[in-house]
N, C-alpha and C. Protein backbone atom coordinates (compact mmCIF):
# COMPACT_ATOMS: atom_id res chain seq x y z
N UNK A 1 13.90 1.26 10.55
CA UNK A 1 13.20 1.06 9.29
C UNK A 1 12.94 2.43 8.67
N UNK A 2 13.21 2.53 7.39
CA UNK A 2 13.01 3.79 6.68
C UNK A 2 11.68 3.76 5.92
N UNK A 3 10.92 4.83 6.06
CA UNK A 3 9.63 4.95 5.41
C UNK A 3 9.53 6.34 4.79
N UNK A 4 9.33 6.40 3.48
CA UNK A 4 9.26 7.70 2.78
C UNK A 4 10.46 8.58 3.08
N UNK A 5 11.63 7.98 3.19
CA UNK A 5 12.85 8.73 3.45
C UNK A 5 13.04 9.17 4.89
N UNK A 6 12.16 8.73 5.78
CA UNK A 6 12.22 9.10 7.20
C UNK A 6 12.52 7.84 8.01
N UNK A 7 13.54 7.91 8.89
CA UNK A 7 13.86 6.77 9.74
C UNK A 7 12.88 6.69 10.90
N UNK A 8 12.29 5.53 11.10
CA UNK A 8 11.33 5.31 12.19
C UNK A 8 12.06 4.66 13.36
N UNK A 9 11.93 5.25 14.56
CA UNK A 9 12.44 4.64 15.78
C UNK A 9 11.56 3.43 16.05
N UNK A 10 12.11 2.22 15.89
CA UNK A 10 11.32 1.00 15.79
C UNK A 10 11.56 0.04 16.95
N UNK A 11 10.47 -0.52 17.48
CA UNK A 11 10.51 -1.59 18.46
C UNK A 11 10.15 -2.88 17.75
N UNK A 12 11.04 -3.88 17.81
CA UNK A 12 10.74 -5.21 17.29
C UNK A 12 10.19 -6.01 18.47
N UNK A 13 8.88 -6.25 18.46
CA UNK A 13 8.17 -6.82 19.60
C UNK A 13 7.67 -8.22 19.26
N UNK A 14 8.36 -9.25 19.79
CA UNK A 14 7.98 -10.63 19.49
C UNK A 14 6.69 -11.05 20.20
N UNK A 15 6.14 -10.19 21.03
CA UNK A 15 4.87 -10.48 21.70
C UNK A 15 3.69 -9.78 21.06
N UNK A 16 3.94 -9.06 19.97
CA UNK A 16 2.88 -8.31 19.30
C UNK A 16 2.46 -9.01 18.02
N UNK A 17 1.15 -9.04 17.77
CA UNK A 17 0.63 -9.59 16.52
C UNK A 17 0.21 -8.48 15.56
N UNK A 18 0.55 -7.25 15.91
CA UNK A 18 0.19 -6.10 15.10
C UNK A 18 1.45 -5.33 14.72
N UNK A 19 1.43 -4.71 13.55
CA UNK A 19 2.49 -3.82 13.09
C UNK A 19 1.87 -2.43 13.01
N UNK A 20 2.42 -1.48 13.79
CA UNK A 20 1.72 -0.20 13.97
C UNK A 20 2.63 1.01 13.93
N UNK A 21 2.19 2.04 13.20
CA UNK A 21 2.82 3.35 13.23
C UNK A 21 2.06 4.25 14.20
N UNK A 22 2.78 5.19 14.79
CA UNK A 22 2.11 6.21 15.60
C UNK A 22 1.47 7.23 14.66
N UNK A 23 0.39 7.87 15.09
CA UNK A 23 -0.24 8.91 14.26
C UNK A 23 0.72 10.07 13.96
N UNK A 24 1.57 10.43 14.93
CA UNK A 24 2.52 11.52 14.71
C UNK A 24 3.52 11.17 13.61
N UNK A 25 4.05 9.95 13.63
CA UNK A 25 4.99 9.54 12.59
C UNK A 25 4.28 9.48 11.24
N UNK A 26 3.07 8.97 11.22
CA UNK A 26 2.31 8.89 9.97
C UNK A 26 2.17 10.27 9.33
N UNK A 27 1.95 11.28 10.17
CA UNK A 27 1.83 12.65 9.67
C UNK A 27 3.18 13.18 9.17
N UNK A 28 4.24 12.98 9.96
CA UNK A 28 5.58 13.48 9.59
C UNK A 28 6.09 12.81 8.32
N UNK A 29 5.87 11.50 8.18
CA UNK A 29 6.34 10.76 7.01
C UNK A 29 5.38 10.86 5.83
N UNK A 30 4.28 11.59 6.02
CA UNK A 30 3.28 11.79 4.97
C UNK A 30 2.72 10.47 4.42
N UNK A 31 2.38 9.57 5.36
CA UNK A 31 1.79 8.30 4.97
C UNK A 31 0.36 8.51 4.51
N UNK A 32 -0.06 7.75 3.52
CA UNK A 32 -1.44 7.81 3.05
C UNK A 32 -2.26 6.85 3.91
N UNK A 33 -2.97 7.41 4.87
CA UNK A 33 -3.76 6.57 5.77
C UNK A 33 -5.22 6.55 5.32
N UNK A 34 -5.91 5.51 5.73
CA UNK A 34 -7.34 5.39 5.41
C UNK A 34 -8.08 4.90 6.63
N UNK A 35 -9.36 5.22 6.69
CA UNK A 35 -10.20 4.77 7.79
C UNK A 35 -10.69 3.36 7.50
N UNK A 36 -10.62 2.49 8.51
CA UNK A 36 -11.11 1.12 8.36
C UNK A 36 -12.63 1.11 8.34
N UNK A 37 -13.22 0.26 7.53
CA UNK A 37 -14.68 0.19 7.47
C UNK A 37 -15.25 -0.38 8.76
N UNK A 38 -14.48 -1.24 9.42
CA UNK A 38 -14.91 -1.80 10.70
C UNK A 38 -13.74 -1.71 11.69
N UNK A 39 -13.87 -0.87 12.73
CA UNK A 39 -12.79 -0.76 13.72
C UNK A 39 -12.47 -2.12 14.36
N UNK A 40 -11.18 -2.32 14.66
CA UNK A 40 -10.71 -3.57 15.24
C UNK A 40 -10.31 -3.32 16.69
N UNK A 41 -10.82 -4.13 17.64
CA UNK A 41 -10.40 -3.96 19.04
C UNK A 41 -8.90 -4.19 19.19
N UNK A 42 -8.25 -3.36 19.97
CA UNK A 42 -6.83 -3.49 20.24
C UNK A 42 -6.68 -4.13 21.61
N UNK A 43 -6.23 -5.37 21.64
CA UNK A 43 -6.09 -6.13 22.88
C UNK A 43 -4.71 -5.91 23.46
N UNK A 44 -4.66 -5.34 24.65
CA UNK A 44 -3.40 -5.13 25.35
C UNK A 44 -3.34 -6.04 26.56
N UNK A 45 -2.18 -6.12 27.16
CA UNK A 45 -2.00 -6.99 28.31
C UNK A 45 -2.39 -6.35 29.63
N UNK A 46 -3.24 -5.34 29.58
CA UNK A 46 -3.66 -4.68 30.82
C UNK A 46 -5.17 -4.81 30.98
N UNK A 47 -5.60 -4.96 32.20
CA UNK A 47 -7.02 -5.08 32.51
C UNK A 47 -7.72 -3.75 32.26
N UNK A 48 -8.86 -3.80 31.62
CA UNK A 48 -9.65 -2.60 31.38
C UNK A 48 -9.23 -1.80 30.16
N UNK A 49 -8.27 -2.28 29.41
CA UNK A 49 -7.82 -1.57 28.22
C UNK A 49 -8.84 -1.75 27.10
N UNK A 50 -9.36 -0.64 26.57
CA UNK A 50 -10.39 -0.73 25.52
C UNK A 50 -10.12 0.28 24.43
N UNK A 51 -9.17 -0.03 23.59
CA UNK A 51 -8.85 0.85 22.47
C UNK A 51 -9.24 0.15 21.18
N UNK A 52 -9.40 0.92 20.11
CA UNK A 52 -9.74 0.34 18.81
C UNK A 52 -8.81 0.90 17.75
N UNK A 53 -8.52 0.05 16.76
CA UNK A 53 -7.75 0.48 15.60
C UNK A 53 -8.76 0.97 14.57
N UNK A 54 -8.64 2.23 14.18
CA UNK A 54 -9.62 2.82 13.26
C UNK A 54 -9.01 3.22 11.92
N UNK A 55 -7.66 3.23 11.84
CA UNK A 55 -6.99 3.65 10.60
C UNK A 55 -5.83 2.71 10.27
N UNK A 56 -5.47 2.67 9.00
CA UNK A 56 -4.36 1.85 8.56
C UNK A 56 -3.68 2.48 7.36
N UNK A 57 -2.61 1.84 6.89
CA UNK A 57 -1.88 2.32 5.72
C UNK A 57 -1.16 1.16 5.05
N UNK A 58 -1.04 1.21 3.75
CA UNK A 58 -0.15 0.33 3.00
C UNK A 58 1.03 1.20 2.62
N UNK A 59 2.21 0.85 3.14
CA UNK A 59 3.35 1.75 3.02
C UNK A 59 4.61 1.00 2.60
N UNK A 60 5.37 1.58 1.65
CA UNK A 60 6.67 0.99 1.31
C UNK A 60 7.68 1.26 2.42
N UNK A 61 8.60 0.32 2.62
CA UNK A 61 9.60 0.44 3.68
C UNK A 61 10.93 -0.11 3.18
N UNK A 62 12.00 0.24 3.91
CA UNK A 62 13.33 -0.28 3.64
C UNK A 62 14.01 -0.53 4.98
N UNK A 63 14.59 -1.71 5.14
CA UNK A 63 15.29 -2.05 6.37
C UNK A 63 16.57 -2.80 6.01
N UNK A 64 17.67 -2.41 6.63
CA UNK A 64 18.91 -3.14 6.41
C UNK A 64 20.11 -2.26 6.26
N UNK A 65 21.15 -2.83 5.61
CA UNK A 65 22.40 -2.12 5.37
C UNK A 65 22.93 -2.48 3.99
N UNK A 66 24.22 -2.23 3.76
CA UNK A 66 24.81 -2.50 2.44
C UNK A 66 24.79 -3.99 2.07
N UNK A 67 24.91 -4.86 3.07
CA UNK A 67 25.00 -6.31 2.82
C UNK A 67 23.65 -7.00 2.73
N UNK A 68 22.75 -6.64 3.62
CA UNK A 68 21.45 -7.32 3.69
C UNK A 68 20.36 -6.27 3.82
N UNK A 69 19.34 -6.37 2.98
CA UNK A 69 18.24 -5.42 3.12
C UNK A 69 16.92 -6.10 2.79
N UNK A 70 15.88 -5.55 3.37
CA UNK A 70 14.51 -6.01 3.14
C UNK A 70 13.72 -4.78 2.72
N UNK A 71 12.95 -4.92 1.66
CA UNK A 71 12.09 -3.81 1.24
C UNK A 71 10.80 -4.38 0.69
N UNK A 72 9.80 -3.54 0.64
CA UNK A 72 8.51 -3.95 0.13
C UNK A 72 7.43 -2.99 0.57
N UNK A 73 6.21 -3.41 0.40
CA UNK A 73 5.07 -2.63 0.84
C UNK A 73 4.21 -3.55 1.71
N UNK A 74 3.89 -3.09 2.91
CA UNK A 74 3.08 -3.88 3.84
C UNK A 74 1.98 -3.03 4.44
N UNK A 75 1.00 -3.71 5.03
CA UNK A 75 -0.06 -3.03 5.77
C UNK A 75 0.41 -2.78 7.20
N UNK A 76 0.11 -1.59 7.72
CA UNK A 76 0.41 -1.24 9.10
C UNK A 76 -0.82 -0.55 9.69
N UNK A 77 -1.11 -0.85 10.97
CA UNK A 77 -2.15 -0.14 11.69
C UNK A 77 -1.61 1.23 12.10
N UNK A 78 -2.52 2.15 12.37
CA UNK A 78 -2.17 3.43 12.97
C UNK A 78 -2.75 3.40 14.38
N UNK A 79 -1.87 3.36 15.39
CA UNK A 79 -2.31 3.28 16.78
C UNK A 79 -1.48 4.22 17.64
N UNK A 80 -1.97 4.50 18.81
CA UNK A 80 -1.26 5.39 19.74
C UNK A 80 -0.09 4.65 20.37
N UNK A 81 0.99 4.56 19.62
CA UNK A 81 2.21 3.91 20.08
C UNK A 81 2.96 4.88 20.99
N UNK A 82 3.42 4.39 22.14
CA UNK A 82 4.14 5.23 23.09
C UNK A 82 5.64 5.04 22.93
N UNK A 83 6.39 6.12 22.82
CA UNK A 83 7.86 6.16 22.76
C UNK A 83 8.48 5.68 21.46
N UNK A 84 7.74 5.07 20.58
CA UNK A 84 8.28 4.57 19.32
C UNK A 84 7.46 5.13 18.16
N UNK A 85 8.10 5.18 16.99
CA UNK A 85 7.39 5.57 15.77
C UNK A 85 6.67 4.37 15.16
N UNK A 86 7.26 3.19 15.38
CA UNK A 86 6.77 1.98 14.74
C UNK A 86 6.99 0.79 15.68
N UNK A 87 5.97 -0.05 15.78
CA UNK A 87 6.12 -1.33 16.48
C UNK A 87 5.93 -2.42 15.43
N UNK A 88 6.96 -3.25 15.28
CA UNK A 88 6.92 -4.36 14.34
C UNK A 88 6.71 -5.64 15.14
N UNK A 89 5.67 -6.37 14.77
CA UNK A 89 5.32 -7.59 15.49
C UNK A 89 5.72 -8.86 14.76
N UNK A 90 5.19 -9.97 15.25
CA UNK A 90 5.58 -11.28 14.73
C UNK A 90 5.14 -11.51 13.28
N UNK A 91 4.04 -10.92 12.87
CA UNK A 91 3.57 -11.10 11.48
C UNK A 91 4.62 -10.58 10.51
N UNK A 92 5.09 -9.36 10.71
CA UNK A 92 6.11 -8.75 9.86
C UNK A 92 7.41 -9.54 9.93
N UNK A 93 7.83 -9.87 11.17
CA UNK A 93 9.11 -10.57 11.34
C UNK A 93 9.11 -11.95 10.66
N UNK A 94 8.03 -12.68 10.80
CA UNK A 94 7.96 -14.01 10.14
C UNK A 94 7.91 -13.86 8.62
N UNK A 95 7.13 -12.91 8.14
CA UNK A 95 6.99 -12.71 6.70
C UNK A 95 8.34 -12.41 6.05
N UNK A 96 9.20 -11.68 6.78
CA UNK A 96 10.48 -11.25 6.22
C UNK A 96 11.67 -12.03 6.78
N UNK A 97 11.40 -13.16 7.43
CA UNK A 97 12.46 -14.05 7.89
C UNK A 97 13.36 -13.51 8.97
N UNK A 98 12.78 -12.74 9.86
CA UNK A 98 13.59 -12.16 10.95
C UNK A 98 13.54 -13.03 12.19
């Protein structure tokens, strides 16, 4: 997925209900992030995991090739994503017919 002219190394995760950029990618792609008025608990599949989502962004994106493409502006959380720039979950995939 391309964001602000930068390709994001993306994981399409059918088990995730969140769409999230890493803070490092948000900085590199110069995303306009904002602090959430109320932090949201981040529920992971591990016992004792207690992280919170404190920032987000509304960002334009482009995904596809010459034949088929999807573009628009969506909300994404900013979370400590490991190994990927972006994790796309079921909300994004359903919204865009993936």
